[in-house]
């Protein structure tokens, strides 16, 4: 069972992803509402995979991705972005993101992506 950390500034998104994952046997270790909290919780919880929103206050998902990968070069981070953020998704992949999910997403796509990483 993969252990997941969900990082997104929207509580509704965190809840949606959590419900999808828990229903399919993933263990959600924690949630964070911004990049700073996401990096701190990654270091504390050491999840198998992170879902990371790109656009967040205080620290963007890309900045948090860089900080997590600096701490743990083997970290598996899946970026979650809105349509129209292709440039940011490319930047995230260049900085070590393992994959990405585009909002609005389907349950199947989220599960397929997380099972691949």
PDB file of N, CA and C in Angstrom:
ATOM      1  N   UNK A   1       0.841  -1.187   0.000  1.00  0.00           N
ATOM      2  CA  UNK A   1       0.000   0.000   0.000  1.00  0.00           C
ATOM      3  C   UNK A   1       0.885   1.249   0.000  1.00  0.00           C
ATOM      4  N   UNK A   2       0.672   2.115  -0.982  1.00  0.00           N
ATOM      5  CA  UNK A   2       1.465   3.339  -1.058  1.00  0.00           C
ATOM      6  C   UNK A   2       0.959   4.361  -0.047  1.00  0.00           C
ATOM      7  N   UNK A   3       1.926   5.039   0.581  1.00  0.00           N
ATOM      8  CA  UNK A   3       1.612   6.091   1.541  1.00  0.00           C
ATOM      9  C   UNK A   3       1.753   7.437   0.831  1.00  0.00           C
ATOM     10  N   UNK A   4       0.719   8.278   0.951  1.00  0.00           N
ATOM     11  CA  UNK A   4       0.639   9.505   0.157  1.00  0.00           C
ATOM     12  C   UNK A   4       0.516  10.736   1.040  1.00  0.00           C
ATOM     13  N   UNK A   5       1.152  11.820   0.588  1.00  0.00           N
ATOM     14  CA  UNK A   5       0.979  13.152   1.160  1.00  0.00           C
ATOM     15  C   UNK A   5       0.291  13.992   0.088  1.00  0.00           C
ATOM     16  N   UNK A   6      -0.802  14.659   0.444  1.00  0.00           N
ATOM     17  CA  UNK A   6      -1.553  15.493  -0.499  1.00  0.00           C
ATOM     18  C   UNK A   6      -1.285  16.960  -0.165  1.00  0.00           C
ATOM     19  N   UNK A   7      -0.775  17.713  -1.163  1.00  0.00           N
ATOM     20  CA  UNK A   7      -0.475  19.135  -0.964  1.00  0.00           C
ATOM     21  C   UNK A   7      -1.295  19.949  -1.964  1.00  0.00           C
ATOM     22  N   UNK A   8      -2.239  20.737  -1.454  1.00  0.00           N
ATOM     23  CA  UNK A   8      -3.092  21.577  -2.303  1.00  0.00           C
ATOM     24  C   UNK A   8      -3.697  22.651  -1.419  1.00  0.00           C
ATOM     25  N   UNK A   9      -3.771  23.880  -1.923  1.00  0.00           N
ATOM     26  CA  UNK A   9      -4.328  24.952  -1.113  1.00  0.00           C
ATOM     27  C   UNK A   9      -5.858  24.896  -1.027  1.00  0.00           C
ATOM     28  N   UNK A  10      -6.502  24.124  -1.896  1.00  0.00           N
ATOM     29  CA  UNK A  10      -7.962  24.007  -1.875  1.00  0.00           C
ATOM     30  C   UNK A  10      -8.380  22.773  -1.069  1.00  0.00           C
ATOM     31  N   UNK A  11      -9.096  23.003   0.022  1.00  0.00           N
ATOM     32  CA  UNK A  11      -9.541  21.900   0.887  1.00  0.00           C
ATOM     33  C   UNK A  11     -10.388  20.895   0.099  1.00  0.00           C
ATOM     34  N   UNK A  12     -11.208  21.386  -0.826  1.00  0.00           N
ATOM     35  CA  UNK A  12     -12.053  20.508  -1.625  1.00  0.00           C
ATOM     36  C   UNK A  12     -11.206  19.556  -2.471  1.00  0.00           C
ATOM     37  N   UNK A  13     -10.119  20.060  -3.046  1.00  0.00           N
ATOM     38  CA  UNK A  13      -9.230  19.218  -3.854  1.00  0.00           C
ATOM     39  C   UNK A  13      -8.554  18.162  -2.989  1.00  0.00           C
ATOM     40  N   UNK A  14      -8.076  18.562  -1.831  1.00  0.00           N
ATOM     41  CA  UNK A  14      -7.437  17.599  -0.919  1.00  0.00           C
ATOM     42  C   UNK A  14      -8.426  16.495  -0.555  1.00  0.00           C
ATOM     43  N   UNK A  15      -9.655  16.897  -0.242  1.00  0.00           N
ATOM     44  CA  UNK A  15     -10.678  15.925   0.142  1.00  0.00           C
ATOM     45  C   UNK A  15     -11.004  14.991  -1.033  1.00  0.00           C
ATOM     46  N   UNK A  16     -11.124  15.534  -2.237  1.00  0.00           N
ATOM     47  CA  UNK A  16     -11.439  14.719  -3.422  1.00  0.00           C
ATOM     48  C   UNK A  16     -10.349  13.683  -3.676  1.00  0.00           C
ATOM     49  N   UNK A  17      -9.099  14.123  -3.660  1.00  0.00           N
ATOM     50  CA  UNK A  17      -7.978  13.213  -3.907  1.00  0.00           C
ATOM     51  C   UNK A  17      -7.905  12.162  -2.802  1.00  0.00           C
ATOM     52  N   UNK A  18      -8.089  12.592  -1.557  1.00  0.00           N
ATOM     53  CA  UNK A  18      -8.038  11.668  -0.424  1.00  0.00           C
ATOM     54  C   UNK A  18      -9.099  10.575  -0.553  1.00  0.00           C
ATOM     55  N   UNK A  19     -10.326  10.963  -0.914  1.00  0.00           N
ATOM     56  CA  UNK A  19     -11.404   9.978  -1.051  1.00  0.00           C
ATOM     57  C   UNK A  19     -11.083   8.967  -2.149  1.00  0.00           C
ATOM     58  N   UNK A  20     -10.585   9.450  -3.286  1.00  0.00           N
ATOM     59  CA  UNK A  20     -10.224   8.558  -4.400  1.00  0.00           C
ATOM     60  C   UNK A  20      -9.163   7.557  -3.954  1.00  0.00           C
ATOM     61  N   UNK A  21      -8.128   8.066  -3.298  1.00  0.00           N
ATOM     62  CA  UNK A  21      -6.997   7.221  -2.918  1.00  0.00           C
ATOM     63  C   UNK A  21      -7.357   6.214  -1.827  1.00  0.00           C
ATOM     64  N   UNK A  22      -8.030   6.679  -0.778  1.00  0.00           N
ATOM     65  CA  UNK A  22      -8.360   5.771   0.330  1.00  0.00           C
ATOM     66  C   UNK A  22      -9.308   4.667  -0.112  1.00  0.00           C
ATOM     67  N   UNK A  23     -10.227   5.004  -1.009  1.00  0.00           N
ATOM     68  CA  UNK A  23     -11.177   4.016  -1.520  1.00  0.00           C
ATOM     69  C   UNK A  23     -10.451   2.909  -2.296  1.00  0.00           C
ATOM     70  N   UNK A  24      -9.267   3.247  -2.823  1.00  0.00           N
ATOM     71  CA  UNK A  24      -8.516   2.296  -3.643  1.00  0.00           C
ATOM     72  C   UNK A  24      -7.327   1.680  -2.912  1.00  0.00           C
ATOM     73  N   UNK A  25      -7.276   1.826  -1.585  1.00  0.00           N
ATOM     74  CA  UNK A  25      -6.258   1.133  -0.804  1.00  0.00           C
ATOM     75  C   UNK A  25      -4.986   1.917  -0.515  1.00  0.00           C
ATOM     76  N   UNK A  26      -4.910   3.181  -0.932  1.00  0.00           N
ATOM     77  CA  UNK A  26      -3.758   4.003  -0.577  1.00  0.00           C
ATOM     78  C   UNK A  26      -3.943   4.498   0.854  1.00  0.00           C
ATOM     79  N   UNK A  27      -2.836   4.768   1.523  1.00  0.00           N
ATOM     80  CA  UNK A  27      -2.897   5.347   2.865  1.00  0.00           C
ATOM     81  C   UNK A  27      -2.479   6.806   2.771  1.00  0.00           C
ATOM     82  N   UNK A  28      -3.390   7.712   3.129  1.00  0.00           N
ATOM     83  CA  UNK A  28      -3.066   9.136   3.117  1.00  0.00           C
ATOM     84  C   UNK A  28      -2.466   9.473   4.480  1.00  0.00           C
ATOM     85  N   UNK A  29      -1.136   9.739   4.465  1.00  0.00           N
ATOM     86  CA  UNK A  29      -0.415  10.023   5.714  1.00  0.00           C
ATOM     87  C   UNK A  29      -0.706  11.421   6.239  1.00  0.00           C
ATOM     88  N   UNK A  30      -0.955  12.347   5.304  1.00  0.00           N
ATOM     89  CA  UNK A  30      -1.179  13.720   5.730  1.00  0.00           C
ATOM     90  C   UNK A  30      -1.566  14.607   4.578  1.00  0.00           C
ATOM     91  N   UNK A  31      -1.925  15.844   4.931  1.00  0.00           N
ATOM     92  CA  UNK A  31      -2.305  16.861   3.960  1.00  0.00           C
ATOM     93  C   UNK A  31      -1.607  18.158   4.327  1.00  0.00           C
ATOM     94  N   UNK A  32      -1.381  18.981   3.294  1.00  0.00           N
ATOM     95  CA  UNK A  32      -0.777  20.298   3.518  1.00  0.00           C
ATOM     96  C   UNK A  32      -1.455  21.289   2.591  1.00  0.00           C
ATOM     97  N   UNK A  33      -1.604  22.544   3.073  1.00  0.00           N
ATOM     98  CA  UNK A  33      -2.312  23.534   2.265  1.00  0.00           C
ATOM     99  C   UNK A  33      -1.404  24.530   1.555  1.00  0.00           C
ATOM    100  N   UNK A  34      -0.103  24.360   1.704  1.00  0.00           N
ATOM    101  CA  UNK A  34       0.829  25.184   0.929  1.00  0.00           C
ATOM    102  C   UNK A  34       2.179  24.458   0.828  1.00  0.00           C
ATOM    103  N   UNK A  35       3.048  24.996  -0.006  1.00  0.00           N
ATOM    104  CA  UNK A  35       4.329  24.343  -0.251  1.00  0.00           C
ATOM    105  C   UNK A  35       5.223  24.240   0.970  1.00  0.00           C
ATOM    106  N   UNK A  36       5.235  25.274   1.798  1.00  0.00           N
ATOM    107  CA  UNK A  36       6.079  25.271   2.995  1.00  0.00           C
ATOM    108  C   UNK A  36       5.659  24.118   3.917  1.00  0.00           C
ATOM    109  N   UNK A  37       4.351  24.017   4.142  1.00  0.00           N
ATOM    110  CA  UNK A  37       3.827  22.945   4.993  1.00  0.00           C
ATOM    111  C   UNK A  37       4.062  21.581   4.324  1.00  0.00           C
ATOM    112  N   UNK A  38       3.961  21.536   3.005  1.00  0.00           N
ATOM    113  CA  UNK A  38       4.186  20.298   2.271  1.00  0.00           C
ATOM    114  C   UNK A  38       5.601  19.775   2.440  1.00  0.00           C
ATOM    115  N   UNK A  39       6.580  20.670   2.347  1.00  0.00           N
ATOM    116  CA  UNK A  39       7.986  20.276   2.517  1.00  0.00           C
ATOM    117  C   UNK A  39       8.214  19.780   3.946  1.00  0.00           C
ATOM    118  N   UNK A  40       7.679  20.514   4.922  1.00  0.00           N
ATOM    119  CA  UNK A  40       7.840  20.128   6.329  1.00  0.00           C
ATOM    120  C   UNK A  40       7.226  18.743   6.582  1.00  0.00           C
ATOM    121  N   UNK A  41       6.016  18.532   6.058  1.00  0.00           N
ATOM    122  CA  UNK A  41       5.346  17.244   6.276  1.00  0.00           C
ATOM    123  C   UNK A  41       6.039  16.120   5.514  1.00  0.00           C
ATOM    124  N   UNK A  42       6.629  16.418   4.360  1.00  0.00           N
ATOM    125  CA  UNK A  42       7.368  15.380   3.628  1.00  0.00           C
ATOM    126  C   UNK A  42       8.520  14.881   4.498  1.00  0.00           C
ATOM    127  N   UNK A  43       9.270  15.809   5.078  1.00  0.00           N
ATOM    128  CA  UNK A  43      10.417  15.442   5.909  1.00  0.00           C
ATOM    129  C   UNK A  43       9.974  14.660   7.149  1.00  0.00           C
ATOM    130  N   UNK A  44       8.835  15.031   7.691  1.00  0.00           N
ATOM    131  CA  UNK A  44       8.321  14.409   8.909  1.00  0.00           C
ATOM    132  C   UNK A  44       7.697  13.024   8.629  1.00  0.00           C
ATOM    133  N   UNK A  45       6.897  12.919   7.566  1.00  0.00           N
ATOM    134  CA  UNK A  45       6.110  11.709   7.318  1.00  0.00           C
ATOM    135  C   UNK A  45       6.769  10.701   6.371  1.00  0.00           C
ATOM    136  N   UNK A  46       7.674  11.187   5.530  1.00  0.00           N
ATOM    137  CA  UNK A  46       8.376  10.347   4.543  1.00  0.00           C
ATOM    138  C   UNK A  46       7.415   9.457   3.734  1.00  0.00           C
ATOM    139  N   UNK A  47       6.497  10.081   2.974  1.00  0.00           N
ATOM    140  CA  UNK A  47       5.544   9.305   2.171  1.00  0.00           C
ATOM    141  C   UNK A  47       6.219   8.649   0.965  1.00  0.00           C
ATOM    142  N   UNK A  48       5.528   7.672   0.374  1.00  0.00           N
ATOM    143  CA  UNK A  48       6.022   7.031  -0.843  1.00  0.00           C
ATOM    144  C   UNK A  48       5.836   7.940  -2.052  1.00  0.00           C
ATOM    145  N   UNK A  49       4.772   8.738  -2.028  1.00  0.00           N
ATOM    146  CA  UNK A  49       4.459   9.619  -3.155  1.00  0.00           C
ATOM    147  C   UNK A  49       3.724  10.860  -2.646  1.00  0.00           C
ATOM    148  N   UNK A  50       3.893  11.965  -3.375  1.00  0.00           N
ATOM    149  CA  UNK A  50       3.254  13.236  -3.031  1.00  0.00           C
ATOM    150  C   UNK A  50       2.429  13.691  -4.222  1.00  0.00           C
ATOM    151  N   UNK A  51       1.182  14.136  -3.964  1.00  0.00           N
ATOM    152  CA  UNK A  51       0.451  14.864  -5.004  1.00  0.00           C
ATOM    153  C   UNK A  51       0.625  16.334  -4.660  1.00  0.00           C
ATOM    154  N   UNK A  52       1.065  17.132  -5.632  1.00  0.00           N
ATOM    155  CA  UNK A  52       1.442  18.523  -5.367  1.00  0.00           C
ATOM    156  C   UNK A  52       0.762  19.468  -6.348  1.00  0.00           C
ATOM    157  N   UNK A  53      -0.069  20.350  -5.818  1.00  0.00           N
ATOM    158  CA  UNK A  53      -0.664  21.401  -6.640  1.00  0.00           C
ATOM    159  C   UNK A  53       0.463  22.333  -7.096  1.00  0.00           C
ATOM    160  N   UNK A  54       0.339  22.899  -8.283  1.00  0.00           N
ATOM    161  CA  UNK A  54       1.386  23.798  -8.772  1.00  0.00           C
ATOM    162  C   UNK A  54       1.206  25.211  -8.221  1.00  0.00           C
ATOM    163  N   UNK A  55      -0.026  25.720  -8.269  1.00  0.00           N
ATOM    164  CA  UNK A  55      -0.284  27.116  -7.889  1.00  0.00           C
ATOM    165  C   UNK A  55      -0.802  27.181  -6.459  1.00  0.00           C
ATOM    166  N   UNK A  56       0.066  27.659  -5.543  1.00  0.00           N
ATOM    167  CA  UNK A  56      -0.310  27.787  -4.135  1.00  0.00           C
ATOM    168  C   UNK A  56       0.318  29.043  -3.558  1.00  0.00           C
ATOM    169  N   UNK A  57      -0.279  29.580  -2.490  1.00  0.00           N
ATOM    170  CA  UNK A  57       0.312  30.750  -1.828  1.00  0.00           C
ATOM    171  C   UNK A  57       1.534  30.350  -0.998  1.00  0.00           C
ATOM    172  N   UNK A  58       2.334  31.313  -0.655  1.00  0.00           N
ATOM    173  CA  UNK A  58       3.517  31.180   0.211  1.00  0.00           C
ATOM    174  C   UNK A  58       4.688  30.475  -0.454  1.00  0.00           C
ATOM    175  N   UNK A  59       4.473  29.313  -1.041  1.00  0.00           N
ATOM    176  CA  UNK A  59       5.521  28.599  -1.773  1.00  0.00           C
ATOM    177  C   UNK A  59       4.822  27.788  -2.851  1.00  0.00           C
ATOM    178  N   UNK A  60       5.198  27.994  -4.107  1.00  0.00           N
ATOM    179  CA  UNK A  60       4.545  27.280  -5.198  1.00  0.00           C
ATOM    180  C   UNK A  60       4.882  25.791  -5.153  1.00  0.00           C
ATOM    181  N   UNK A  61       4.121  25.020  -5.903  1.00  0.00           N
ATOM    182  CA  UNK A  61       4.381  23.589  -5.984  1.00  0.00           C
ATOM    183  C   UNK A  61       5.743  23.286  -6.576  1.00  0.00           C
ATOM    184  N   UNK A  62       6.173  24.108  -7.534  1.00  0.00           N
ATOM    185  CA  UNK A  62       7.492  23.875  -8.151  1.00  0.00           C
ATOM    186  C   UNK A  62       8.604  24.162  -7.150  1.00  0.00           C
ATOM    187  N   UNK A  63       8.459  25.236  -6.361  1.00  0.00           N
ATOM    188  CA  UNK A  63       9.465  25.524  -5.326  1.00  0.00           C
ATOM    189  C   UNK A  63       9.492  24.408  -4.281  1.00  0.00           C
ATOM    190  N   UNK A  64       8.306  23.913  -3.901  1.00  0.00           N
ATOM    191  CA  UNK A  64       8.230  22.826  -2.926  1.00  0.00           C
ATOM    192  C   UNK A  64       8.830  21.542  -3.507  1.00  0.00           C
ATOM    193  N   UNK A  65       8.562  21.271  -4.773  1.00  0.00           N
ATOM    194  CA  UNK A  65       9.147  20.114  -5.457  1.00  0.00           C
ATOM    195  C   UNK A  65      10.673  20.174  -5.384  1.00  0.00           C
ATOM    196  N   UNK A  66      11.240  21.337  -5.701  1.00  0.00           N
ATOM    197  CA  UNK A  66      12.701  21.495  -5.658  1.00  0.00           C
ATOM    198  C   UNK A  66      13.231  21.240  -4.247  1.00  0.00           C
ATOM    199  N   UNK A  67      12.542  21.774  -3.234  1.00  0.00           N
ATOM    200  CA  UNK A  67      12.991  21.612  -1.846  1.00  0.00           C
ATOM    201  C   UNK A  67      12.906  20.144  -1.412  1.00  0.00           C
ATOM    202  N   UNK A  68      11.843  19.475  -1.805  1.00  0.00           N
ATOM    203  CA  UNK A  68      11.687  18.053  -1.449  1.00  0.00           C
ATOM    204  C   UNK A  68      12.755  17.222  -2.146  1.00  0.00           C
ATOM    205  N   UNK A  69      13.007  17.480  -3.422  1.00  0.00           N
ATOM    206  CA  UNK A  69      14.005  16.707  -4.176  1.00  0.00           C
ATOM    207  C   UNK A  69      15.426  17.001  -3.681  1.00  0.00           C
ATOM    208  N   UNK A  70      15.641  18.192  -3.160  1.00  0.00           N
ATOM    209  CA  UNK A  70      16.948  18.519  -2.563  1.00  0.00           C
ATOM    210  C   UNK A  70      17.150  17.689  -1.293  1.00  0.00           C
ATOM    211  N   UNK A  71      16.085  17.558  -0.498  1.00  0.00           N
ATOM    212  CA  UNK A  71      16.113  16.767   0.735  1.00  0.00           C
ATOM    213  C   UNK A  71      16.203  15.277   0.420  1.00  0.00           C
ATOM    214  N   UNK A  72      15.435  14.839  -0.596  1.00  0.00           N
ATOM    215  CA  UNK A  72      15.369  13.424  -0.973  1.00  0.00           C
ATOM    216  C   UNK A  72      15.334  13.312  -2.499  1.00  0.00           C
ATOM    217  N   UNK A  73      16.495  13.104  -3.127  1.00  0.00           N
ATOM    218  CA  UNK A  73      16.564  13.032  -4.585  1.00  0.00           C
ATOM    219  C   UNK A  73      15.701  11.920  -5.190  1.00  0.00           C
ATOM    220  N   UNK A  74      15.292  10.943  -4.384  1.00  0.00           N
ATOM    221  CA  UNK A  74      14.466   9.838  -4.889  1.00  0.00           C
ATOM    222  C   UNK A  74      12.970  10.089  -4.692  1.00  0.00           C
ATOM    223  N   UNK A  75      12.609  11.251  -4.181  1.00  0.00           N
ATOM    224  CA  UNK A  75      11.201  11.570  -3.905  1.00  0.00           C
ATOM    225  C   UNK A  75      10.352  11.437  -5.162  1.00  0.00           C
ATOM    226  N   UNK A  76       9.161  10.882  -4.991  1.00  0.00           N
ATOM    227  CA  UNK A  76       8.214  10.722  -6.094  1.00  0.00           C
ATOM    228  C   UNK A  76       7.100  11.741  -5.912  1.00  0.00           C
ATOM    229  N   UNK A  77       7.103  12.746  -6.767  1.00  0.00           N
ATOM    230  CA  UNK A  77       6.117  13.821  -6.687  1.00  0.00           C
ATOM    231  C   UNK A  77       5.320  13.859  -7.985  1.00  0.00           C
ATOM    232  N   UNK A  78       3.997  13.836  -7.846  1.00  0.00           N
ATOM    233  CA  UNK A  78       3.089  13.948  -8.985  1.00  0.00           C
ATOM    234  C   UNK A  78       2.436  15.325  -8.905  1.00  0.00           C
ATOM    235  N   UNK A  79       2.639  16.133  -9.945  1.00  0.00           N
ATOM    236  CA  UNK A  79       2.092  17.484  -9.955  1.00  0.00           C
ATOM    237  C   UNK A  79       0.625  17.450 -10.374  1.00  0.00           C
ATOM    238  N   UNK A  80      -0.171  18.318  -9.754  1.00  0.00           N
ATOM    239  CA  UNK A  80      -1.585  18.452 -10.091  1.00  0.00           C
ATOM    240  C   UNK A  80      -1.770  19.892 -10.554  1.00  0.00           C
ATOM    241  N   UNK A  81      -2.232  20.048 -11.806  1.00  0.00           N
ATOM    242  CA  UNK A  81      -2.336  21.405 -12.343  1.00  0.00           C
ATOM    243  C   UNK A  81      -3.639  21.610 -13.084  1.00  0.00           C
ATOM    244  N   UNK A  82      -4.010  22.859 -13.226  1.00  0.00           N
ATOM    245  CA  UNK A  82      -5.199  23.210 -13.990  1.00  0.00           C
ATOM    246  C   UNK A  82      -4.856  23.233 -15.473  1.00  0.00           C
ATOM    247  N   UNK A  83      -5.860  23.119 -16.297  1.00  0.00           N
ATOM    248  CA  UNK A  83      -5.655  23.229 -17.744  1.00  0.00           C
ATOM    249  C   UNK A  83      -4.991  24.570 -18.033  1.00  0.00           C
ATOM    250  N   UNK A  84      -4.168  24.611 -19.055  1.00  0.00           N
ATOM    251  CA  UNK A  84      -3.534  25.868 -19.431  1.00  0.00           C
ATOM    252  C   UNK A  84      -2.226  26.137 -18.703  1.00  0.00           C
ATOM    253  N   UNK A  85      -1.759  25.206 -17.891  1.00  0.00           N
ATOM    254  CA  UNK A  85      -0.507  25.402 -17.155  1.00  0.00           C
ATOM    255  C   UNK A  85       0.603  24.522 -17.705  1.00  0.00           C
ATOM    256  N   UNK A  86       0.560  24.272 -19.013  1.00  0.00           N
ATOM    257  CA  UNK A  86       1.539  23.372 -19.632  1.00  0.00           C
ATOM    258  C   UNK A  86       2.977  23.810 -19.383  1.00  0.00           C
ATOM    259  N   UNK A  87       3.233  25.114 -19.449  1.00  0.00           N
ATOM    260  CA  UNK A  87       4.582  25.632 -19.222  1.00  0.00           C
ATOM    261  C   UNK A  87       5.070  25.267 -17.815  1.00  0.00           C
ATOM    262  N   UNK A  88       4.184  25.391 -16.841  1.00  0.00           N
ATOM    263  CA  UNK A  88       4.556  25.056 -15.463  1.00  0.00           C
ATOM    264  C   UNK A  88       4.744  23.552 -15.290  1.00  0.00           C
ATOM    265  N   UNK A  89       3.927  22.758 -15.995  1.00  0.00           N
ATOM    266  CA  UNK A  89       4.073  21.299 -15.920  1.00  0.00           C
ATOM    267  C   UNK A  89       5.435  20.898 -16.476  1.00  0.00           C
ATOM    268  N   UNK A  90       5.830  21.488 -17.611  1.00  0.00           N
ATOM    269  CA  UNK A  90       7.158  21.199 -18.193  1.00  0.00           C
ATOM    270  C   UNK A  90       8.259  21.553 -17.204  1.00  0.00           C
ATOM    271  N   UNK A  91       8.119  22.707 -16.565  1.00  0.00           N
ATOM    272  CA  UNK A  91       9.107  23.154 -15.578  1.00  0.00           C
ATOM    273  C   UNK A  91       9.178  22.150 -14.420  1.00  0.00           C
ATOM    274  N   UNK A  92       8.028  21.635 -13.997  1.00  0.00           N
ATOM    275  CA  UNK A  92       7.989  20.658 -12.904  1.00  0.00           C
ATOM    276  C   UNK A  92       8.683  19.354 -13.302  1.00  0.00           C
ATOM    277  N   UNK A  93       8.439  18.888 -14.520  1.00  0.00           N
ATOM    278  CA  UNK A  93       9.069  17.647 -14.997  1.00  0.00           C
ATOM    279  C   UNK A  93      10.591  17.827 -15.057  1.00  0.00           C
ATOM    280  N   UNK A  94      11.029  18.979 -15.557  1.00  0.00           N
ATOM    281  CA  UNK A  94      12.472  19.278 -15.621  1.00  0.00           C
ATOM    282  C   UNK A  94      13.084  19.245 -14.215  1.00  0.00           C
ATOM    283  N   UNK A  95      12.296  19.661 -13.217  1.00  0.00           N
ATOM    284  CA  UNK A  95      12.789  19.706 -11.838  1.00  0.00           C
ATOM    285  C   UNK A  95      12.547  18.417 -11.055  1.00  0.00           C
ATOM    286  N   UNK A  96      12.149  17.351 -11.750  1.00  0.00           N
ATOM    287  CA  UNK A  96      12.096  16.055 -11.098  1.00  0.00           C
ATOM    288  C   UNK A  96      10.726  15.477 -10.791  1.00  0.00           C
ATOM    289  N   UNK A  97       9.642  16.146 -11.189  1.00  0.00           N
ATOM    290  CA  UNK A  97       8.317  15.554 -10.970  1.00  0.00           C
ATOM    291  C   UNK A  97       8.228  14.260 -11.775  1.00  0.00           C
ATOM    292  N   UNK A  98       7.621  13.240 -11.209  1.00  0.00           N
ATOM    293  CA  UNK A  98       7.538  11.936 -11.860  1.00  0.00           C
ATOM    294  C   UNK A  98       6.400  11.860 -12.872  1.00  0.00           C
ATOM    295  N   UNK A  99       5.345  12.655 -12.658  1.00  0.00           N
ATOM    296  CA  UNK A  99       4.214  12.661 -13.563  1.00  0.00           C
ATOM    297  C   UNK A  99       3.327  13.846 -13.211  1.00  0.00           C
ATOM    298  N   UNK A 100       2.178  13.939 -13.876  1.00  0.00           N
ATOM    299  CA  UNK A 100       1.255  15.017 -13.560  1.00  0.00           C
ATOM    300  C   UNK A 100      -0.182  14.584 -13.845  1.00  0.00           C
ATOM    301  N   UNK A 101      -1.114  15.271 -13.180  1.00  0.00           N
ATOM    302  CA  UNK A 101      -2.548  15.065 -13.359  1.00  0.00           C
ATOM    303  C   UNK A 101      -3.134  16.447 -13.617  1.00  0.00           C
ATOM    304  N   UNK A 102      -3.990  16.545 -14.637  1.00  0.00           N
ATOM    305  CA  UNK A 102      -4.594  17.832 -14.976  1.00  0.00           C
ATOM    306  C   UNK A 102      -6.008  17.909 -14.398  1.00  0.00           C
ATOM    307  N   UNK A 103      -6.299  19.039 -13.734  1.00  0.00           N
ATOM    308  CA  UNK A 103      -7.651  19.293 -13.216  1.00  0.00           C
ATOM    309  C   UNK A 103      -8.506  19.812 -14.367  1.00  0.00           C
ATOM    310  N   UNK A 104      -9.765  19.486 -14.467  1.00  0.00           N
ATOM    311  CA  UNK A 104     -10.451  18.497 -13.632  1.00  0.00           C
ATOM    312  C   UNK A 104     -10.019  17.100 -14.023  1.00  0.00           C
ATOM    313  N   UNK A 105      -9.841  16.235 -13.027  1.00  0.00           N
ATOM    314  CA  UNK A 105      -9.335  14.888 -13.285  1.00  0.00           C
ATOM    315  C   UNK A 105     -10.425  13.847 -13.056  1.00  0.00           C
ATOM    316  N   UNK A 106     -10.188  12.662 -13.605  1.00  0.00           N
ATOM    317  CA  UNK A 106     -11.089  11.536 -13.342  1.00  0.00           C
ATOM    318  C   UNK A 106     -10.427  10.642 -12.293  1.00  0.00           C
ATOM    319  N   UNK A 107     -11.243   9.908 -11.602  1.00  0.00           N
ATOM    320  CA  UNK A 107     -10.739   8.979 -10.583  1.00  0.00           C
ATOM    321  C   UNK A 107      -9.753   7.995 -11.205  1.00  0.00           C
ATOM    322  N   UNK A 108     -10.109   7.439 -12.361  1.00  0.00           N
ATOM    323  CA  UNK A 108      -9.241   6.468 -13.038  1.00  0.00           C
ATOM    324  C   UNK A 108      -7.876   7.051 -13.360  1.00  0.00           C
ATOM    325  N   UNK A 109      -7.866   8.292 -13.853  1.00  0.00           N
ATOM    326  CA  UNK A 109      -6.583   8.907 -14.233  1.00  0.00           C
ATOM    327  C   UNK A 109      -5.674   9.107 -13.007  1.00  0.00           C
ATOM    328  N   UNK A 110      -6.262   9.559 -11.895  1.00  0.00           N
ATOM    329  CA  UNK A 110      -5.483   9.748 -10.669  1.00  0.00           C
ATOM    330  C   UNK A 110      -4.880   8.414 -10.230  1.00  0.00           C
ATOM    331  N   UNK A 111      -5.695   7.371 -10.215  1.00  0.00           N
ATOM    332  CA  UNK A 111      -5.216   6.056  -9.754  1.00  0.00           C
ATOM    333  C   UNK A 111      -4.165   5.481 -10.688  1.00  0.00           C
ATOM    334  N   UNK A 112      -4.381   5.587 -12.004  1.00  0.00           N
ATOM    335  CA  UNK A 112      -3.403   5.086 -12.961  1.00  0.00           C
ATOM    336  C   UNK A 112      -2.062   5.803 -12.779  1.00  0.00           C
ATOM    337  N   UNK A 113      -2.114   7.111 -12.632  1.00  0.00           N
ATOM    338  CA  UNK A 113      -0.882   7.903 -12.505  1.00  0.00           C
ATOM    339  C   UNK A 113      -0.133   7.523 -11.231  1.00  0.00           C
ATOM    340  N   UNK A 114      -0.835   7.448 -10.106  1.00  0.00           N
ATOM    341  CA  UNK A 114      -0.155   7.120  -8.848  1.00  0.00           C
ATOM    342  C   UNK A 114       0.328   5.684  -8.813  1.00  0.00           C
ATOM    343  N   UNK A 115      -0.357   4.788  -9.464  1.00  0.00           N
ATOM    344  CA  UNK A 115       0.102   3.402  -9.499  1.00  0.00           C
ATOM    345  C   UNK A 115       1.343   3.241 -10.386  1.00  0.00           C
ATOM    346  N   UNK A 116       1.530   4.138 -11.351  1.00  0.00           N
ATOM    347  CA  UNK A 116       2.698   4.071 -12.237  1.00  0.00           C
ATOM    348  C   UNK A 116       3.970   4.552 -11.571  1.00  0.00           C
ATOM    349  N   UNK A 117       3.862   5.526 -10.659  1.00  0.00           N
ATOM    350  CA  UNK A 117       5.089   6.111 -10.077  1.00  0.00           C
ATOM    351  C   UNK A 117       5.629   5.300  -8.924  1.00  0.00           C
TER     352      UNK A 117
END
